[in-house]
Each structure stands twice: as structure tokens, then as C-alpha cells.
Amino acid sequence: MTDIHGRPSAAELVAAVAEFLETDVKNETTGAVNFHVRVAANVLRTVERELLDDGAAPDLLGFDDERALAAAIRAGDLDDRGDEVTSALRDLVLHRLAVAHPGYENG
């Protein structure tokens, strides 16, 4: 992927702020502020992983987005494709976990 905005990239900027929070700010704070610093750094690390995610998008069984897939499931339109739906949903959840909580699938 070509970064039309040059360097630093959005992922690099997010990573730099996360590192600043994880080191300088975290080491200089205590209590509730320290907790919120750790939460903010974790959020930034998640955004960084989203920006860097170049994995293939999970198969949505031909639907344009998750909302359309969910609507079809609710309506019973996919009742005859149970194993396929289960597999697609599993892949979707694992893809999200890989970004939101790396290593979870091995835990």
C-alpha cells in the first residue's frame, strides 16, 4: 500500500504517542491518572494494529458488510447454510481478536 501522505504514517504517529504514554507519562503519574494513561495507550496500540492490518477481510458470505450479514441471519435467510455461517462468524471474531487482543486465540 502506498502512503500518499508520506512519513510519518498514521500508524507511526499513533505508535509514537502510545510509546510516549507508556513510558514518560506512565512513569510520572500514579493512581487514576496512571490507569487512564494505560487505557489510552492500549487504545492507541489497537488503532495502530488496525492501521497496519493488511490481512484479508473475513468472508461475509457475499454480503457487503456485517450489518447485511447480521440482518440475513436474523431473517433466517441463511438457515440452510449453518456450518458455513458458523465458520464465517468464527473467522470474523478471530480476525477482530487478532487486532483487539493479539495472542488471545493462543491463550
PDB file of N, CA and C in Angstrom:
ATOM      1  N   MET A   1       0.852  -1.178   0.000  1.00  0.00           N
ATOM      2  CA  MET A   1       0.000   0.000   0.000  1.00  0.00           C
ATOM      3  C   MET A   1       0.896   1.239   0.000  1.00  0.00           C
ATOM      4  N   THR A   2       0.606   2.180  -0.858  1.00  0.00           N
ATOM      5  CA  THR A   2       1.350   3.421  -0.950  1.00  0.00           C
ATOM      6  C   THR A   2       0.745   4.433   0.005  1.00  0.00           C
ATOM      7  N   ASP A   3       1.621   5.067   0.773  1.00  0.00           N
ATOM      8  CA  ASP A   3       1.145   6.065   1.725  1.00  0.00           C
ATOM      9  C   ASP A   3       1.230   7.430   1.054  1.00  0.00           C
ATOM     10  N   ILE A   4       0.102   7.946   0.607  1.00  0.00           N
ATOM     11  CA  ILE A   4       0.093   9.207  -0.124  1.00  0.00           C
ATOM     12  C   ILE A   4       0.428  10.403   0.756  1.00  0.00           C
ATOM     13  N   HIS A   5       0.390  10.201   2.071  1.00  0.00           N
ATOM     14  CA  HIS A   5       0.660  11.303   2.984  1.00  0.00           C
ATOM     15  C   HIS A   5       2.112  11.364   3.420  1.00  0.00           C
ATOM     16  N   GLY A   6       2.929  10.430   2.981  1.00  0.00           N
ATOM     17  CA  GLY A   6       4.337  10.436   3.339  1.00  0.00           C
ATOM     18  C   GLY A   6       4.563   9.934   4.753  1.00  0.00           C
ATOM     19  N   ARG A   7       5.736  10.276   5.270  1.00  0.00           N
ATOM     20  CA  ARG A   7       6.101   9.814   6.606  1.00  0.00           C
ATOM     21  C   ARG A   7       6.183  10.990   7.539  1.00  0.00           C
ATOM     22  N   PRO A   8       5.885  10.819   8.788  1.00  0.00           N
ATOM     23  CA  PRO A   8       5.468   9.557   9.379  1.00  0.00           C
ATOM     24  C   PRO A   8       4.036   9.202   8.986  1.00  0.00           C
ATOM     25  N   SER A   9       3.808   7.906   8.906  1.00  0.00           N
ATOM     26  CA  SER A   9       2.468   7.429   8.566  1.00  0.00           C
ATOM     27  C   SER A   9       1.546   7.582   9.775  1.00  0.00           C
ATOM     28  N   ALA A  10       0.262   7.401   9.562  1.00  0.00           N
ATOM     29  CA  ALA A  10      -0.693   7.473  10.670  1.00  0.00           C
ATOM     30  C   ALA A  10      -0.352   6.429  11.731  1.00  0.00           C
ATOM     31  N   ALA A  11       0.005   5.215  11.304  1.00  0.00           N
ATOM     32  CA  ALA A  11       0.362   4.162  12.260  1.00  0.00           C
ATOM     33  C   ALA A  11       1.605   4.556  13.058  1.00  0.00           C
ATOM     34  N   GLU A  12       2.581   5.166  12.403  1.00  0.00           N
ATOM     35  CA  GLU A  12       3.794   5.590  13.105  1.00  0.00           C
ATOM     36  C   GLU A  12       3.501   6.701  14.113  1.00  0.00           C
ATOM     37  N   LEU A  13       2.631   7.630  13.748  1.00  0.00           N
ATOM     38  CA  LEU A  13       2.253   8.696  14.676  1.00  0.00           C
ATOM     39  C   LEU A  13       1.529   8.138  15.895  1.00  0.00           C
ATOM     40  N   VAL A  14       0.602   7.226  15.654  1.00  0.00           N
ATOM     41  CA  VAL A  14      -0.128   6.599  16.751  1.00  0.00           C
ATOM     42  C   VAL A  14       0.833   5.836  17.654  1.00  0.00           C
ATOM     43  N   ALA A  15       1.756   5.101  17.061  1.00  0.00           N
ATOM     44  CA  ALA A  15       2.735   4.336  17.838  1.00  0.00           C
ATOM     45  C   ALA A  15       3.620   5.256  18.676  1.00  0.00           C
ATOM     46  N   ALA A  16       4.002   6.389  18.118  1.00  0.00           N
ATOM     47  CA  ALA A  16       4.853   7.328  18.856  1.00  0.00           C
ATOM     48  C   ALA A  16       4.121   7.891  20.078  1.00  0.00           C
ATOM     49  N   VAL A  17       2.868   8.250  19.914  1.00  0.00           N
ATOM     50  CA  VAL A  17       2.092   8.766  21.048  1.00  0.00           C
ATOM     51  C   VAL A  17       1.880   7.669  22.087  1.00  0.00           C
ATOM     52  N   ALA A  18       1.597   6.452  21.632  1.00  0.00           N
ATOM     53  CA  ALA A  18       1.420   5.331  22.565  1.00  0.00           C
ATOM     54  C   ALA A  18       2.691   5.097  23.365  1.00  0.00           C
ATOM     55  N   GLU A  19       3.823   5.129  22.699  1.00  0.00           N
ATOM     56  CA  GLU A  19       5.098   4.919  23.403  1.00  0.00           C
ATOM     57  C   GLU A  19       5.357   6.034  24.415  1.00  0.00           C
ATOM     58  N   PHE A  20       5.061   7.264  24.045  1.00  0.00           N
ATOM     59  CA  PHE A  20       5.208   8.386  24.981  1.00  0.00           C
ATOM     60  C   PHE A  20       4.353   8.162  26.228  1.00  0.00           C
ATOM     61  N   LEU A  21       3.120   7.741  26.029  1.00  0.00           N
ATOM     62  CA  LEU A  21       2.234   7.479  27.159  1.00  0.00           C
ATOM     63  C   LEU A  21       2.742   6.312  28.003  1.00  0.00           C
ATOM     64  N   GLU A  22       3.199   5.245  27.329  1.00  0.00           N
ATOM     65  CA  GLU A  22       3.647   4.039  28.024  1.00  0.00           C
ATOM     66  C   GLU A  22       4.940   4.251  28.813  1.00  0.00           C
ATOM     67  N   THR A  23       5.701   5.244  28.440  1.00  0.00           N
ATOM     68  CA  THR A  23       6.981   5.462  29.125  1.00  0.00           C
ATOM     69  C   THR A  23       6.913   6.740  29.958  1.00  0.00           C
ATOM     70  N   ASP A  24       7.130   7.867  29.339  1.00  0.00           N
ATOM     71  CA  ASP A  24       7.250   9.137  30.061  1.00  0.00           C
ATOM     72  C   ASP A  24       6.044   9.449  30.940  1.00  0.00           C
ATOM     73  N   VAL A  25       4.864   9.417  30.367  1.00  0.00           N
ATOM     74  CA  VAL A  25       3.667   9.807  31.119  1.00  0.00           C
ATOM     75  C   VAL A  25       3.349   8.777  32.206  1.00  0.00           C
ATOM     76  N   LYS A  26       3.388   7.500  31.850  1.00  0.00           N
ATOM     77  CA  LYS A  26       3.072   6.446  32.821  1.00  0.00           C
ATOM     78  C   LYS A  26       4.023   6.492  34.016  1.00  0.00           C
ATOM     79  N   ASN A  27       5.301   6.734  33.745  1.00  0.00           N
ATOM     80  CA  ASN A  27       6.298   6.760  34.817  1.00  0.00           C
ATOM     81  C   ASN A  27       6.175   7.983  35.724  1.00  0.00           C
ATOM     82  N   GLU A  28       5.464   8.998  35.278  1.00  0.00           N
ATOM     83  CA  GLU A  28       5.341  10.238  36.048  1.00  0.00           C
ATOM     84  C   GLU A  28       3.963  10.405  36.680  1.00  0.00           C
ATOM     85  N   THR A  29       3.125   9.385  36.572  1.00  0.00           N
ATOM     86  CA  THR A  29       1.781   9.501  37.129  1.00  0.00           C
ATOM     87  C   THR A  29       1.489   8.325  38.059  1.00  0.00           C
ATOM     88  N   THR A  30       0.459   8.507  38.873  1.00  0.00           N
ATOM     89  CA  THR A  30       0.026   7.449  39.788  1.00  0.00           C
ATOM     90  C   THR A  30      -1.500   7.413  39.812  1.00  0.00           C
ATOM     91  N   GLY A  31      -2.017   6.403  40.481  1.00  0.00           N
ATOM     92  CA  GLY A  31      -3.452   6.325  40.721  1.00  0.00           C
ATOM     93  C   GLY A  31      -4.290   6.308  39.473  1.00  0.00           C
ATOM     94  N   ALA A  32      -5.398   7.045  39.540  1.00  0.00           N
ATOM     95  CA  ALA A  32      -6.377   7.052  38.452  1.00  0.00           C
ATOM     96  C   ALA A  32      -5.778   7.589  37.151  1.00  0.00           C
ATOM     97  N   VAL A  33      -4.934   8.605  37.255  1.00  0.00           N
ATOM     98  CA  VAL A  33      -4.324   9.163  36.037  1.00  0.00           C
ATOM     99  C   VAL A  33      -3.447   8.110  35.371  1.00  0.00           C
ATOM    100  N   ASN A  34      -2.682   7.362  36.146  1.00  0.00           N
ATOM    101  CA  ASN A  34      -1.828   6.306  35.607  1.00  0.00           C
ATOM    102  C   ASN A  34      -2.677   5.238  34.921  1.00  0.00           C
ATOM    103  N   PHE A  35      -3.789   4.875  35.544  1.00  0.00           N
ATOM    104  CA  PHE A  35      -4.699   3.895  34.947  1.00  0.00           C
ATOM    105  C   PHE A  35      -5.224   4.398  33.604  1.00  0.00           C
ATOM    106  N   HIS A  36      -5.656   5.648  33.561  1.00  0.00           N
ATOM    107  CA  HIS A  36      -6.187   6.208  32.317  1.00  0.00           C
ATOM    108  C   HIS A  36      -5.110   6.338  31.245  1.00  0.00           C
ATOM    109  N   VAL A  37      -3.893   6.584  31.646  1.00  0.00           N
ATOM    110  CA  VAL A  37      -2.778   6.622  30.693  1.00  0.00           C
ATOM    111  C   VAL A  37      -2.599   5.237  30.063  1.00  0.00           C
ATOM    112  N   ARG A  38      -2.652   4.195  30.886  1.00  0.00           N
ATOM    113  CA  ARG A  38      -2.508   2.835  30.360  1.00  0.00           C
ATOM    114  C   ARG A  38      -3.663   2.481  29.435  1.00  0.00           C
ATOM    115  N   VAL A  39      -4.872   2.896  29.778  1.00  0.00           N
ATOM    116  CA  VAL A  39      -6.028   2.643  28.911  1.00  0.00           C
ATOM    117  C   VAL A  39      -5.850   3.370  27.581  1.00  0.00           C
ATOM    118  N   ALA A  40      -5.443   4.624  27.633  1.00  0.00           N
ATOM    119  CA  ALA A  40      -5.253   5.408  26.404  1.00  0.00           C
ATOM    120  C   ALA A  40      -4.166   4.796  25.526  1.00  0.00           C
ATOM    121  N   ALA A  41      -3.080   4.353  26.131  1.00  0.00           N
ATOM    122  CA  ALA A  41      -2.007   3.721  25.361  1.00  0.00           C
ATOM    123  C   ALA A  41      -2.499   2.430  24.719  1.00  0.00           C
ATOM    124  N   ASN A  42      -3.299   1.666  25.442  1.00  0.00           N
ATOM    125  CA  ASN A  42      -3.849   0.432  24.893  1.00  0.00           C
ATOM    126  C   ASN A  42      -4.770   0.717  23.713  1.00  0.00           C
ATOM    127  N   VAL A  43      -5.587   1.751  23.816  1.00  0.00           N
ATOM    128  CA  VAL A  43      -6.460   2.141  22.710  1.00  0.00           C
ATOM    129  C   VAL A  43      -5.617   2.511  21.488  1.00  0.00           C
ATOM    130  N   LEU A  44      -4.563   3.277  21.708  1.00  0.00           N
ATOM    131  CA  LEU A  44      -3.708   3.672  20.589  1.00  0.00           C
ATOM    132  C   LEU A  44      -3.022   2.467  19.954  1.00  0.00           C
ATOM    133  N   ARG A  45      -2.618   1.502  20.752  1.00  0.00           N
ATOM    134  CA  ARG A  45      -1.994   0.289  20.196  1.00  0.00           C
ATOM    135  C   ARG A  45      -3.010  -0.495  19.358  1.00  0.00           C
ATOM    136  N   THR A  46      -4.265  -0.498  19.775  1.00  0.00           N
ATOM    137  CA  THR A  46      -5.305  -1.160  18.985  1.00  0.00           C
ATOM    138  C   THR A  46      -5.497  -0.433  17.655  1.00  0.00           C
ATOM    139  N   VAL A  47      -5.542   0.889  17.691  1.00  0.00           N
ATOM    140  CA  VAL A  47      -5.673   1.678  16.459  1.00  0.00           C
ATOM    141  C   VAL A  47      -4.469   1.426  15.551  1.00  0.00           C
ATOM    142  N   GLU A  48      -3.271   1.359  16.138  1.00  0.00           N
ATOM    143  CA  GLU A  48      -2.073   1.073  15.353  1.00  0.00           C
ATOM    144  C   GLU A  48      -2.212  -0.273  14.630  1.00  0.00           C
ATOM    145  N   ARG A  49      -2.661  -1.300  15.355  1.00  0.00           N
ATOM    146  CA  ARG A  49      -2.824  -2.620  14.727  1.00  0.00           C
ATOM    147  C   ARG A  49      -3.889  -2.573  13.632  1.00  0.00           C
ATOM    148  N   GLU A  50      -4.954  -1.807  13.834  1.00  0.00           N
ATOM    149  CA  GLU A  50      -5.976  -1.672  12.783  1.00  0.00           C
ATOM    150  C   GLU A  50      -5.385  -1.021  11.536  1.00  0.00           C
ATOM    151  N   LEU A  51      -4.587   0.014  11.738  1.00  0.00           N
ATOM    152  CA  LEU A  51      -3.988   0.707  10.602  1.00  0.00           C
ATOM    153  C   LEU A  51      -2.993  -0.177   9.850  1.00  0.00           C
ATOM    154  N   LEU A  52      -2.315  -1.054  10.575  1.00  0.00           N
ATOM    155  CA  LEU A  52      -1.313  -1.923   9.967  1.00  0.00           C
ATOM    156  C   LEU A  52      -1.890  -3.239   9.454  1.00  0.00           C
ATOM    157  N   ASP A  53      -3.141  -3.510   9.760  1.00  0.00           N
ATOM    158  CA  ASP A  53      -3.765  -4.781   9.379  1.00  0.00           C
ATOM    159  C   ASP A  53      -3.895  -4.861   7.871  1.00  0.00           C
ATOM    160  N   ASP A  54      -3.119  -5.745   7.279  1.00  0.00           N
ATOM    161  CA  ASP A  54      -3.222  -5.924   5.834  1.00  0.00           C
ATOM    162  C   ASP A  54      -3.721  -7.324   5.496  1.00  0.00           C
ATOM    163  N   GLY A  55      -4.273  -7.978   6.514  1.00  0.00           N
ATOM    164  CA  GLY A  55      -4.840  -9.308   6.290  1.00  0.00           C
ATOM    165  C   GLY A  55      -6.101  -9.226   5.460  1.00  0.00           C
ATOM    166  N   ALA A  56      -6.412 -10.337   4.862  1.00  0.00           N
ATOM    167  CA  ALA A  56      -7.633 -10.403   4.055  1.00  0.00           C
ATOM    168  C   ALA A  56      -8.850 -10.235   4.956  1.00  0.00           C
ATOM    169  N   ALA A  57      -9.799  -9.501   4.477  1.00  0.00           N
ATOM    170  CA  ALA A  57     -11.048  -9.325   5.230  1.00  0.00           C
ATOM    171  C   ALA A  57     -11.766 -10.661   5.306  1.00  0.00           C
ATOM    172  N   PRO A  58     -12.385 -10.943   6.433  1.00  0.00           N
ATOM    173  CA  PRO A  58     -13.130 -12.199   6.556  1.00  0.00           C
ATOM    174  C   PRO A  58     -14.243 -12.296   5.519  1.00  0.00           C
ATOM    175  N   ASP A  59     -14.543 -13.520   5.096  1.00  0.00           N
ATOM    176  CA  ASP A  59     -15.610 -13.784   4.132  1.00  0.00           C
ATOM    177  C   ASP A  59     -16.956 -13.493   4.783  1.00  0.00           C
ATOM    178  N   LEU A  60     -17.704 -12.597   4.197  1.00  0.00           N
ATOM    179  CA  LEU A  60     -19.032 -12.243   4.705  1.00  0.00           C
ATOM    180  C   LEU A  60     -20.127 -12.927   3.907  1.00  0.00           C
ATOM    181  N   LEU A  61     -19.773 -14.051   3.304  1.00  0.00           N
ATOM    182  CA  LEU A  61     -20.737 -14.883   2.572  1.00  0.00           C
ATOM    183  C   LEU A  61     -21.453 -14.118   1.458  1.00  0.00           C
ATOM    184  N   GLY A  62     -20.736 -13.194   0.849  1.00  0.00           N
ATOM    185  CA  GLY A  62     -21.302 -12.451  -0.274  1.00  0.00           C
ATOM    186  C   GLY A  62     -22.037 -11.185   0.102  1.00  0.00           C
ATOM    187  N   PHE A  63     -22.148 -10.898   1.400  1.00  0.00           N
ATOM    188  CA  PHE A  63     -22.823  -9.672   1.829  1.00  0.00           C
ATOM    189  C   PHE A  63     -21.831  -8.518   1.834  1.00  0.00           C
ATOM    190  N   ASP A  64     -22.349  -7.306   1.641  1.00  0.00           N
ATOM    191  CA  ASP A  64     -21.495  -6.125   1.549  1.00  0.00           C
ATOM    192  C   ASP A  64     -20.825  -5.767   2.864  1.00  0.00           C
ATOM    193  N   ASP A  65     -21.502  -6.024   3.969  1.00  0.00           N
ATOM    194  CA  ASP A  65     -20.948  -5.666   5.273  1.00  0.00           C
ATOM    195  C   ASP A  65     -21.560  -6.537   6.356  1.00  0.00           C
ATOM    196  N   GLU A  66     -21.050  -6.383   7.558  1.00  0.00           N
ATOM    197  CA  GLU A  66     -21.528  -7.196   8.678  1.00  0.00           C
ATOM    198  C   GLU A  66     -22.995  -6.936   9.006  1.00  0.00           C
ATOM    199  N   ARG A  67     -23.421  -5.710   8.826  1.00  0.00           N
ATOM    200  CA  ARG A  67     -24.816  -5.370   9.111  1.00  0.00           C
ATOM    201  C   ARG A  67     -25.761  -6.161   8.206  1.00  0.00           C
ATOM    202  N   ALA A  68     -25.421  -6.252   6.926  1.00  0.00           N
ATOM    203  CA  ALA A  68     -26.256  -7.008   5.986  1.00  0.00           C
ATOM    204  C   ALA A  68     -26.224  -8.502   6.305  1.00  0.00           C
ATOM    205  N   LEU A  69     -25.048  -9.009   6.684  1.00  0.00           N
ATOM    206  CA  LEU A  69     -24.937 -10.411   7.074  1.00  0.00           C
ATOM    207  C   LEU A  69     -25.793 -10.691   8.309  1.00  0.00           C
ATOM    208  N   ALA A  70     -25.703  -9.827   9.300  1.00  0.00           N
ATOM    209  CA  ALA A  70     -26.486  -9.998  10.531  1.00  0.00           C
ATOM    210  C   ALA A  70     -27.987  -9.968  10.235  1.00  0.00           C
ATOM    211  N   ALA A  71     -28.404  -9.065   9.358  1.00  0.00           N
ATOM    212  CA  ALA A  71     -29.823  -8.976   9.011  1.00  0.00           C
ATOM    213  C   ALA A  71     -30.296 -10.267   8.343  1.00  0.00           C
ATOM    214  N   ALA A  72     -29.452 -10.826   7.482  1.00  0.00           N
ATOM    215  CA  ALA A  72     -29.821 -12.075   6.807  1.00  0.00           C
ATOM    216  C   ALA A  72     -29.908 -13.229   7.804  1.00  0.00           C
ATOM    217  N   ILE A  73     -29.007 -13.244   8.768  1.00  0.00           N
ATOM    218  CA  ILE A  73     -29.046 -14.288   9.802  1.00  0.00           C
ATOM    219  C   ILE A  73     -30.325 -14.152  10.621  1.00  0.00           C
ATOM    220  N   ARG A  74     -30.634 -12.925  11.046  1.00  0.00           N
ATOM    221  CA  ARG A  74     -31.852 -12.685  11.839  1.00  0.00           C
ATOM    222  C   ARG A  74     -33.108 -13.070  11.075  1.00  0.00           C
ATOM    223  N   ALA A  75     -33.110 -12.805   9.784  1.00  0.00           N
ATOM    224  CA  ALA A  75     -34.294 -13.086   8.961  1.00  0.00           C
ATOM    225  C   ALA A  75     -34.430 -14.570   8.626  1.00  0.00           C
ATOM    226  N   GLY A  76     -33.407 -15.345   8.950  1.00  0.00           N
ATOM    227  CA  GLY A  76     -33.457 -16.778   8.656  1.00  0.00           C
ATOM    228  C   GLY A  76     -33.058 -17.120   7.236  1.00  0.00           C
ATOM    229  N   ASP A  77     -32.525 -16.145   6.508  1.00  0.00           N
ATOM    230  CA  ASP A  77     -32.159 -16.364   5.111  1.00  0.00           C
ATOM    231  C   ASP A  77     -30.998 -17.341   4.940  1.00  0.00           C
ATOM    232  N   LEU A  78     -30.250 -17.573   5.988  1.00  0.00           N
ATOM    233  CA  LEU A  78     -29.074 -18.442   5.890  1.00  0.00           C
ATOM    234  C   LEU A  78     -29.228 -19.712   6.715  1.00  0.00           C
ATOM    235  N   ASP A  79     -30.425 -20.026   7.111  1.00  0.00           N
ATOM    236  CA  ASP A  79     -30.654 -21.188   7.974  1.00  0.00           C
ATOM    237  C   ASP A  79     -30.164 -22.489   7.340  1.00  0.00           C
ATOM    238  N   ASP A  80     -30.179 -22.578   6.026  1.00  0.00           N
ATOM    239  CA  ASP A  80     -29.739 -23.798   5.351  1.00  0.00           C
ATOM    240  C   ASP A  80     -28.222 -23.832   5.137  1.00  0.00           C
ATOM    241  N   ARG A  81     -27.508 -22.818   5.633  1.00  0.00           N
ATOM    242  CA  ARG A  81     -26.045 -22.737   5.464  1.00  0.00           C
ATOM    243  C   ARG A  81     -25.355 -22.667   6.827  1.00  0.00           C
ATOM    244  N   GLY A  82     -25.884 -23.412   7.791  1.00  0.00           N
ATOM    245  CA  GLY A  82     -25.431 -23.321   9.171  1.00  0.00           C
ATOM    246  C   GLY A  82     -23.935 -23.450   9.382  1.00  0.00           C
ATOM    247  N   ASP A  83     -23.308 -24.514   8.846  1.00  0.00           N
ATOM    248  CA  ASP A  83     -21.874 -24.705   9.046  1.00  0.00           C
ATOM    249  C   ASP A  83     -21.063 -23.583   8.398  1.00  0.00           C
ATOM    250  N   GLU A  84     -21.506 -23.138   7.247  1.00  0.00           N
ATOM    251  CA  GLU A  84     -20.829 -22.063   6.530  1.00  0.00           C
ATOM    252  C   GLU A  84     -20.927 -20.747   7.313  1.00  0.00           C
ATOM    253  N   VAL A  85     -22.094 -20.478   7.875  1.00  0.00           N
ATOM    254  CA  VAL A  85     -22.295 -19.268   8.679  1.00  0.00           C
ATOM    255  C   VAL A  85     -21.440 -19.336   9.935  1.00  0.00           C
ATOM    256  N   THR A  86     -21.444 -20.474  10.592  1.00  0.00           N
ATOM    257  CA  THR A  86     -20.639 -20.640  11.798  1.00  0.00           C
ATOM    258  C   THR A  86     -19.161 -20.406  11.499  1.00  0.00           C
ATOM    259  N   SER A  87     -18.680 -20.968  10.410  1.00  0.00           N
ATOM    260  CA  SER A  87     -17.280 -20.794  10.026  1.00  0.00           C
ATOM    261  C   SER A  87     -16.960 -19.326   9.723  1.00  0.00           C
ATOM    262  N   ALA A  88     -17.857 -18.670   9.001  1.00  0.00           N
ATOM    263  CA  ALA A  88     -17.645 -17.255   8.666  1.00  0.00           C
ATOM    264  C   ALA A  88     -17.632 -16.390   9.919  1.00  0.00           C
ATOM    265  N   LEU A  89     -18.538 -16.647  10.848  1.00  0.00           N
ATOM    266  CA  LEU A  89     -18.584 -15.865  12.093  1.00  0.00           C
ATOM    267  C   LEU A  89     -17.347 -16.122  12.948  1.00  0.00           C
ATOM    268  N   ARG A  90     -16.905 -17.367  12.986  1.00  0.00           N
ATOM    269  CA  ARG A  90     -15.689 -17.699  13.730  1.00  0.00           C
ATOM    270  C   ARG A  90     -14.488 -16.934  13.152  1.00  0.00           C
ATOM    271  N   ASP A  91     -14.364 -16.942  11.822  1.00  0.00           N
ATOM    272  CA  ASP A  91     -13.262 -16.222  11.171  1.00  0.00           C
ATOM    273  C   ASP A  91     -13.333 -14.724  11.457  1.00  0.00           C
ATOM    274  N   LEU A  92     -14.534 -14.175  11.445  1.00  0.00           N
ATOM    275  CA  LEU A  92     -14.720 -12.751  11.721  1.00  0.00           C
ATOM    276  C   LEU A  92     -14.278 -12.414  13.141  1.00  0.00           C
ATOM    277  N   VAL A  93     -14.696 -13.220  14.100  1.00  0.00           N
ATOM    278  CA  VAL A  93     -14.325 -12.982  15.502  1.00  0.00           C
ATOM    279  C   VAL A  93     -12.818 -13.130  15.685  1.00  0.00           C
ATOM    280  N   LEU A  94     -12.217 -14.163  15.100  1.00  0.00           N
ATOM    281  CA  LEU A  94     -10.772 -14.353  15.233  1.00  0.00           C
ATOM    282  C   LEU A  94      -9.990 -13.200  14.605  1.00  0.00           C
ATOM    283  N   HIS A  95     -10.494 -12.682  13.480  1.00  0.00           N
ATOM    284  CA  HIS A  95      -9.842 -11.534  12.839  1.00  0.00           C
ATOM    285  C   HIS A  95      -9.893 -10.312  13.756  1.00  0.00           C
ATOM    286  N   ARG A  96     -11.046 -10.076  14.362  1.00  0.00           N
ATOM    287  CA  ARG A  96     -11.177  -8.946  15.291  1.00  0.00           C
ATOM    288  C   ARG A  96     -10.281  -9.126  16.507  1.00  0.00           C
ATOM    289  N   LEU A  97     -10.248 -10.339  17.052  1.00  0.00           N
ATOM    290  CA  LEU A  97      -9.415 -10.593  18.227  1.00  0.00           C
ATOM    291  C   LEU A  97      -7.930 -10.405  17.923  1.00  0.00           C
ATOM    292  N   ALA A  98      -7.517 -10.766  16.719  1.00  0.00           N
ATOM    293  CA  ALA A  98      -6.112 -10.603  16.352  1.00  0.00           C
ATOM    294  C   ALA A  98      -5.692  -9.140  16.426  1.00  0.00           C
ATOM    295  N   VAL A  99      -6.617  -8.238  16.161  1.00  0.00           N
ATOM    296  CA  VAL A  99      -6.317  -6.806  16.228  1.00  0.00           C
ATOM    297  C   VAL A  99      -6.544  -6.276  17.644  1.00  0.00           C
ATOM    298  N   ALA A 100      -7.674  -6.619  18.234  1.00  0.00           N
ATOM    299  CA  ALA A 100      -8.045  -6.051  19.539  1.00  0.00           C
ATOM    300  C   ALA A 100      -7.253  -6.659  20.689  1.00  0.00           C
ATOM    301  N   HIS A 101      -6.930  -7.948  20.582  1.00  0.00           N
ATOM    302  CA  HIS A 101      -6.256  -8.635  21.699  1.00  0.00           C
ATOM    303  C   HIS A 101      -5.325  -9.705  21.126  1.00  0.00           C
ATOM    304  N   PRO A 102      -4.171  -9.291  20.555  1.00  0.00           N
ATOM    305  CA  PRO A 102      -3.264 -10.255  19.937  1.00  0.00           C
ATOM    306  C   PRO A 102      -2.856 -11.345  20.919  1.00  0.00           C
ATOM    307  N   GLY A 103      -2.808 -12.555  20.432  1.00  0.00           N
ATOM    308  CA  GLY A 103      -2.424 -13.674  21.270  1.00  0.00           C
ATOM    309  C   GLY A 103      -3.582 -14.350  21.973  1.00  0.00           C
ATOM    310  N   TYR A 104      -4.763 -13.749  21.938  1.00  0.00           N
ATOM    311  CA  TYR A 104      -5.916 -14.310  22.626  1.00  0.00           C
ATOM    312  C   TYR A 104      -6.248 -15.708  22.120  1.00  0.00           C
ATOM    313  N   GLU A 105      -6.146 -15.891  20.796  1.00  0.00           N
ATOM    314  CA  GLU A 105      -6.505 -17.170  20.214  1.00  0.00           C
ATOM    315  C   GLU A 105      -5.563 -18.285  20.659  1.00  0.00           C
ATOM    316  N   ASN A 106      -4.394 -17.916  21.185  1.00  0.00           N
ATOM    317  CA  ASN A 106      -3.438 -18.915  21.671  1.00  0.00           C
ATOM    318  C   ASN A 106      -3.539 -19.091  23.178  1.00  0.00           C
ATOM    319  N   GLY A 107      -4.368 -18.258  23.825  1.00  0.00           N
ATOM    320  CA  GLY A 107      -4.418 -18.221  25.276  1.00  0.00           C
ATOM    321  C   GLY A 107      -5.276 -19.261  25.852  1.00  0.00           C
TER     322      GLY A 107
END
